């Protein structure tokens, strides 16, 4: 099973505007506690954890929570083909992400915790409580020093999720992570899409942040929408031979990057495309006509690299 990358201290990890959360997570882990991060997607939870793991010089094991994460996939399993010839010997046991983190004294990061089956969650809770786990035919595996579990979930998105029991909250320190400030999100976009005009990038961030407050939108876009908008606009402008500040280039990039990320209210009669178009006009002005220059756009062609 793919468990995700390991991150060590030498790996550069950019974390923007999360110093407070990083300190609290580090303090909780140093104190022997496990951590639950609650917040919407795109608020830097996994990036934050990579930085914490890097500073602690421990492995970082990532596992995505979903309905297919069975206890065997989380813990590990004996190779069925080798069992027939060698029996249940420790050498043929393939560690899952939980045992990988336990044996290596690393951080196990479980994304979308509230999407995993209850029986899998019970296995995880046992490892968190006892710092050891009993594996049939393998025996008891004790966690090495440094082992910790950090789980994340989006409390707003209830589609395909289960209610997390009080037992999980009783075994974790909870840290709420909301969206960052506009300035911080602009810095994040600049890190991911360098070279964009500052004023244009600020408007893009304002547009994305506006999706979270729109009355017809139930779930708005994270900063990832702004990152993709910048990337798509940059490449589309290159294809069309214009600048990223071209009104039509930007709107096309916005529709491609945001309409799949926002969730319109069931009671609304608007489509995601209509909502994004309205917000684009609100932030960037009305569509320019052939005989009237776009006075709302920055001067020149600052979007070109």
Protein backbone atom coordinates (compact mmCIF):
# COMPACT_ATOMS: atom_id res chain seq x y z
CA UNK A 1 0.00 0.00 0.00
CA UNK A 2 1.26 3.48 -0.80
CA UNK A 3 1.90 5.22 2.52
CA UNK A 4 3.29 8.52 1.29
CA UNK A 5 6.66 10.17 1.45
CA UNK A 6 9.07 10.41 4.34
CA UNK A 7 10.40 13.87 5.07
CA UNK A 8 13.66 14.51 6.92
CA UNK A 9 15.30 17.65 8.26
CA UNK A 10 17.23 18.32 5.10
CA UNK A 11 14.07 18.57 3.02
CA UNK A 12 12.90 22.18 2.56
CA UNK A 13 9.27 22.63 3.58
CA UNK A 14 7.65 26.05 3.23
CA UNK A 15 5.10 26.88 5.90
CA UNK A 16 3.38 30.26 5.77
CA UNK A 17 1.71 31.89 8.75
CA UNK A 18 1.51 28.72 10.86
CA UNK A 19 4.17 29.38 13.51
CA UNK A 20 1.65 29.27 16.36
CA UNK A 21 0.10 25.97 15.26
CA UNK A 22 3.55 24.43 14.65
CA UNK A 23 4.62 25.30 18.18
CA UNK A 24 1.49 23.84 19.74
CA UNK A 25 1.76 20.63 17.68
CA UNK A 26 5.42 20.29 18.63
CA UNK A 27 4.62 20.87 22.31
CA UNK A 28 1.84 18.27 22.26
CA UNK A 29 4.04 15.66 20.60
CA UNK A 30 6.92 16.35 22.97
CA UNK A 31 4.51 15.81 25.83
CA UNK A 32 3.57 12.40 24.48
CA UNK A 33 0.14 13.42 23.20
CA UNK A 34 -1.42 12.73 19.83
CA UNK A 35 -2.96 15.53 17.80
CA UNK A 36 -6.17 16.11 15.87
CA UNK A 37 -6.13 18.93 13.32
CA UNK A 38 -9.55 20.21 12.31
CA UNK A 39 -10.01 22.57 9.41
CA UNK A 40 -11.09 22.90 5.79
CA UNK A 41 -8.90 21.62 2.94
CA UNK A 42 -6.01 23.76 1.80
CA UNK A 43 -5.20 25.29 5.17
CA UNK A 44 -1.70 23.81 5.34
CA UNK A 45 -2.26 20.82 7.63
CA UNK A 46 -0.03 18.35 5.81
CA UNK A 47 2.61 20.99 5.08
CA UNK A 48 2.67 21.92 8.75
CA UNK A 49 3.18 18.30 9.75
CA UNK A 50 5.99 17.82 7.27
CA UNK A 51 7.77 20.78 8.82
CA UNK A 52 7.27 19.41 12.33
CA UNK A 53 8.56 15.99 11.30
CA UNK A 54 11.52 17.61 9.58
CA UNK A 55 12.47 19.61 12.66
CA UNK A 56 12.18 16.48 14.83
CA UNK A 57 14.41 14.43 12.50
CA UNK A 58 11.84 11.62 12.39
CA UNK A 59 10.10 9.83 9.50
CA UNK A 60 6.78 11.21 8.27
CA UNK A 61 4.33 8.53 7.13
CA UNK A 62 1.22 9.70 5.31
CA UNK A 63 -1.91 7.62 4.87
CA UNK A 64 -5.13 8.77 3.22
CA UNK A 65 -8.26 7.98 5.14
CA UNK A 66 -11.07 6.40 3.14
CA UNK A 67 -13.55 3.54 3.31
CA UNK A 68 -10.95 1.14 1.84
CA UNK A 69 -8.46 1.65 4.67
CA UNK A 70 -8.97 -1.68 6.41
CA UNK A 71 -7.10 -2.73 9.57
CA UNK A 72 -4.86 -4.95 7.44
CA UNK A 73 -3.92 -2.05 5.18
CA UNK A 74 -3.20 0.17 8.16
CA UNK A 75 -1.21 -2.39 10.17
CA UNK A 76 0.28 -4.64 7.48
CA UNK A 77 -0.03 -8.25 6.37
CA UNK A 78 1.80 -11.49 5.73
CA UNK A 79 2.64 -12.15 2.10
CA UNK A 80 0.09 -14.87 1.16
CA UNK A 81 2.35 -16.51 -1.42
CA UNK A 82 5.26 -16.84 1.00
CA UNK A 83 3.04 -18.07 3.83
CA UNK A 84 2.35 -21.23 1.80
CA UNK A 85 6.02 -22.09 1.67
CA UNK A 86 7.50 -20.52 4.80
CA UNK A 87 4.62 -20.18 7.21
CA UNK A 88 3.87 -17.15 9.38
CA UNK A 89 7.40 -15.93 10.05
CA UNK A 90 8.18 -12.26 10.86
CA UNK A 91 10.46 -11.92 7.83
CA UNK A 92 7.57 -12.09 5.38
CA UNK A 93 5.37 -9.54 7.15
CA UNK A 94 4.91 -6.33 5.14
CA UNK A 95 4.50 -3.38 7.47
CA UNK A 96 1.60 -1.05 6.86
CA UNK A 97 1.86 2.68 7.60
CA UNK A 98 1.00 2.26 11.28
CA UNK A 99 3.77 -0.25 11.95
CA UNK A 100 6.17 1.69 9.76
CA UNK A 101 5.68 4.75 11.94
CA UNK A 102 5.74 2.76 15.18
CA UNK A 103 8.94 0.88 14.42
CA UNK A 104 10.67 3.99 13.10
CA UNK A 105 9.55 6.29 15.89
CA UNK A 106 7.94 8.55 13.31
CA UNK A 107 4.82 10.58 12.82
CA UNK A 108 1.79 8.85 11.31
CA UNK A 109 -0.38 11.44 9.59
CA UNK A 110 -3.90 10.22 8.84
CA UNK A 111 -5.78 12.46 6.42
CA UNK A 112 -9.58 12.51 6.38
CA UNK A 113 -9.82 10.63 9.66
CA UNK A 114 -13.61 10.69 9.66
CA UNK A 115 -13.70 8.69 6.42
CA UNK A 116 -12.04 5.53 7.75
CA UNK A 117 -14.11 2.52 8.90
CA UNK A 118 -14.86 2.16 12.61
CA UNK A 119 -12.91 -1.09 12.95
CA UNK A 120 -9.82 0.60 11.51
CA UNK A 121 -10.26 3.55 13.83
CA UNK A 122 -10.40 1.16 16.79
CA UNK A 123 -7.03 -0.31 15.81
CA UNK A 124 -5.57 3.17 15.57
CA UNK A 125 -7.01 4.15 18.95
CA UNK A 126 -5.44 1.09 20.56
CA UNK A 127 -2.01 1.99 19.22
CA UNK A 128 -2.44 5.59 20.38
CA UNK A 129 -3.47 4.54 23.89
CA UNK A 130 -0.97 1.77 24.54
CA UNK A 131 1.91 2.72 22.20
CA UNK A 132 1.92 -0.91 21.18
CA UNK A 133 -0.24 -3.19 19.12
CA UNK A 134 -0.93 -6.92 19.04
CA UNK A 135 -0.76 -8.38 15.54
CA UNK A 136 -2.11 -11.92 15.06
CA UNK A 137 0.68 -14.43 14.37
CA UNK A 138 3.29 -11.66 14.64
CA UNK A 139 3.02 -10.72 18.30
CA UNK A 140 3.17 -7.42 20.12
CA UNK A 141 4.89 -4.51 18.42
CA UNK A 142 5.99 -1.68 20.69
CA UNK A 143 6.38 1.83 19.35
CA UNK A 144 9.84 3.34 19.31
CA UNK A 145 10.49 6.65 21.03
CA UNK A 146 9.16 9.56 19.00
CA UNK A 147 6.09 7.78 17.65
CA UNK A 148 3.04 9.99 17.39
CA UNK A 149 -0.24 10.13 15.53
CA UNK A 150 -1.55 13.30 13.95
CA UNK A 151 -4.98 13.02 12.34
CA UNK A 152 -6.78 15.60 10.25
CA UNK A 153 -10.36 16.05 9.19
CA UNK A 154 -12.67 18.61 7.67
CA UNK A 155 -15.55 19.18 10.10
CA UNK A 156 -17.65 20.94 7.44
CA UNK A 157 -17.69 18.22 4.77
CA UNK A 158 -20.07 15.47 5.89
CA UNK A 159 -20.33 13.60 2.57
CA UNK A 160 -19.09 10.03 2.96
CA UNK A 161 -17.93 10.62 6.53
CA UNK A 162 -18.77 9.16 9.90
CA UNK A 163 -19.13 10.93 13.22
CA UNK A 164 -15.90 10.73 15.17
CA UNK A 165 -16.46 9.23 18.62
CA UNK A 166 -15.60 10.86 21.90
CA UNK A 167 -12.92 8.21 22.39
CA UNK A 168 -10.85 9.86 19.65
CA UNK A 169 -11.21 13.32 21.15
CA UNK A 170 -10.30 11.88 24.56
CA UNK A 171 -7.00 10.61 23.16
CA UNK A 172 -5.92 13.70 21.25
CA UNK A 173 -5.15 17.36 21.60
CA UNK A 174 -7.39 19.25 19.17
CA UNK A 175 -6.06 22.16 17.13
CA UNK A 176 -8.40 24.15 14.90
CA UNK A 177 -6.91 25.47 11.66
CA UNK A 178 -8.91 28.05 9.75
CA UNK A 179 -8.04 29.83 6.55
CA UNK A 180 -4.98 32.06 6.63
CA UNK A 181 -5.00 35.82 6.06
CA UNK A 182 -5.17 37.31 2.58
CA UNK A 183 -1.52 38.35 2.79
CA UNK A 184 -0.47 34.85 3.81
CA UNK A 185 -2.44 33.26 0.98
CA UNK A 186 -0.86 35.70 -1.49
CA UNK A 187 2.57 34.61 -0.23
CA UNK A 188 1.60 30.97 -0.68
CA UNK A 189 0.54 31.62 -4.28
CA UNK A 190 3.81 33.49 -4.88
CA UNK A 191 5.78 30.50 -3.60
CA UNK A 192 3.90 28.09 -5.86
CA UNK A 193 3.55 30.37 -8.92
CA UNK A 194 6.43 32.85 -8.85
CA UNK A 195 6.58 35.75 -11.29
CA UNK A 196 2.94 36.87 -11.24
CA UNK A 197 2.17 40.56 -10.97
CA UNK A 198 1.63 41.47 -7.31
CA UNK A 199 -1.59 43.42 -7.87
CA UNK A 200 -3.09 40.76 -10.14
CA UNK A 201 -2.15 37.99 -7.70
CA UNK A 202 -3.79 39.92 -4.83
CA UNK A 203 -7.01 40.16 -6.84
CA UNK A 204 -6.94 36.44 -7.57
CA UNK A 205 -6.60 35.72 -3.85
CA UNK A 206 -9.47 38.14 -3.13
CA UNK A 207 -11.61 36.32 -5.69
CA UNK A 208 -10.92 32.93 -4.15
CA UNK A 209 -11.57 34.19 -0.65
CA UNK A 210 -14.87 35.67 -1.86
CA UNK A 211 -16.09 32.17 -2.80
CA UNK A 212 -16.12 31.34 0.93
CA UNK A 213 -18.51 34.19 1.70
CA UNK A 214 -20.84 34.03 -1.31
CA UNK A 215 -24.47 33.48 -0.23
CA UNK A 216 -25.06 30.85 -2.92
CA UNK A 217 -21.94 28.85 -2.04
CA UNK A 218 -21.96 26.21 0.67
CA UNK A 219 -18.24 25.37 0.47
CA UNK A 220 -15.75 27.79 -1.05
CA UNK A 221 -12.33 27.22 -2.56
CA UNK A 222 -9.09 26.86 -0.67
CA UNK A 223 -5.90 28.67 -1.64
CA UNK A 224 -5.20 25.77 -4.00
CA UNK A 225 -7.79 27.33 -6.28
CA UNK A 226 -5.74 30.53 -6.44
CA UNK A 227 -2.57 28.54 -7.14
CA UNK A 228 -4.17 26.67 -10.03
CA UNK A 229 -5.79 29.85 -11.33
CA UNK A 230 -2.39 31.50 -11.52
CA UNK A 231 -0.81 28.50 -13.22
CA UNK A 232 -3.59 28.06 -15.76
CA UNK A 233 -3.73 31.77 -16.56
CA UNK A 234 0.02 31.90 -17.03
CA UNK A 235 0.02 29.00 -19.48
CA UNK A 236 -3.17 30.06 -21.26
CA UNK A 237 -1.74 33.55 -21.75
CA UNK A 238 1.36 31.99 -23.29
CA UNK A 239 -0.78 29.93 -25.67
CA UNK A 240 -2.85 32.95 -26.70
CA UNK A 241 0.12 35.32 -26.88
CA UNK A 242 -1.19 37.76 -24.29
CA UNK A 243 -0.65 38.58 -20.62
CA UNK A 244 -2.14 36.84 -17.62
CA UNK A 245 -3.98 40.08 -16.85
CA UNK A 246 -6.09 39.63 -19.98
CA UNK A 247 -9.71 39.65 -18.78
CA UNK A 248 -10.83 36.65 -20.85
CA UNK A 249 -7.72 34.62 -20.02
CA UNK A 250 -8.29 35.17 -16.32
CA UNK A 251 -11.98 34.29 -16.44
CA UNK A 252 -11.31 31.08 -18.37
CA UNK A 253 -8.63 30.13 -15.84
CA UNK A 254 -10.97 30.98 -12.95
CA UNK A 255 -13.75 28.77 -14.30
CA UNK A 256 -11.36 25.88 -14.85
CA UNK A 257 -9.77 26.24 -11.42
CA UNK A 258 -12.72 27.08 -9.18
CA UNK A 259 -15.99 25.63 -10.48
CA UNK A 260 -15.02 22.13 -9.38
CA UNK A 261 -13.83 23.32 -5.99
CA UNK A 262 -16.89 25.23 -4.84
CA UNK A 263 -20.16 23.63 -3.81
CA UNK A 264 -23.28 25.64 -4.60
CA UNK A 265 -26.17 25.58 -2.14
CA UNK A 266 -28.87 23.07 -3.05
CA UNK A 267 -31.50 25.80 -2.88
CA UNK A 268 -29.61 28.03 -5.31
CA UNK A 269 -30.59 28.17 -8.98
CA UNK A 270 -27.10 29.32 -9.99
CA UNK A 271 -24.43 27.14 -11.53
CA UNK A 272 -20.81 27.20 -10.33
CA UNK A 273 -19.87 28.89 -13.63
CA UNK A 274 -22.37 31.67 -13.00
CA UNK A 275 -21.10 32.22 -9.47
CA UNK A 276 -17.46 32.36 -10.56
CA UNK A 277 -18.28 34.71 -13.45
CA UNK A 278 -20.13 37.06 -11.10
CA UNK A 279 -17.23 37.08 -8.65
CA UNK A 280 -14.76 37.67 -11.47
CA UNK A 281 -16.71 40.74 -12.57
CA UNK A 282 -16.96 41.94 -8.96
CA UNK A 283 -13.19 41.77 -8.51
CA UNK A 284 -11.82 42.47 -12.00
CA UNK A 285 -14.58 44.61 -13.47
CA UNK A 286 -16.97 44.10 -16.38
CA UNK A 287 -15.92 42.53 -19.66
CA UNK A 288 -13.96 45.10 -21.70
CA UNK A 289 -15.34 46.07 -25.11
CA UNK A 290 -13.30 46.29 -28.29
CA UNK A 291 -13.57 50.08 -28.42
CA UNK A 292 -13.03 50.61 -24.69
CA UNK A 293 -9.82 49.58 -22.91
CA UNK A 294 -10.02 47.63 -19.70
CA UNK A 295 -9.57 50.54 -17.31
CA UNK A 296 -9.85 48.29 -14.29
CA UNK A 297 -6.83 46.21 -15.26
CA UNK A 298 -3.27 47.15 -14.21
CA UNK A 299 -1.30 49.13 -16.75
CA UNK A 300 0.91 47.38 -19.28
CA UNK A 301 1.26 43.62 -19.48
CA UNK A 302 2.49 42.73 -16.00
CA UNK A 303 1.29 39.16 -16.21
CA UNK A 304 3.88 38.21 -18.79
CA UNK A 305 7.14 36.76 -17.60
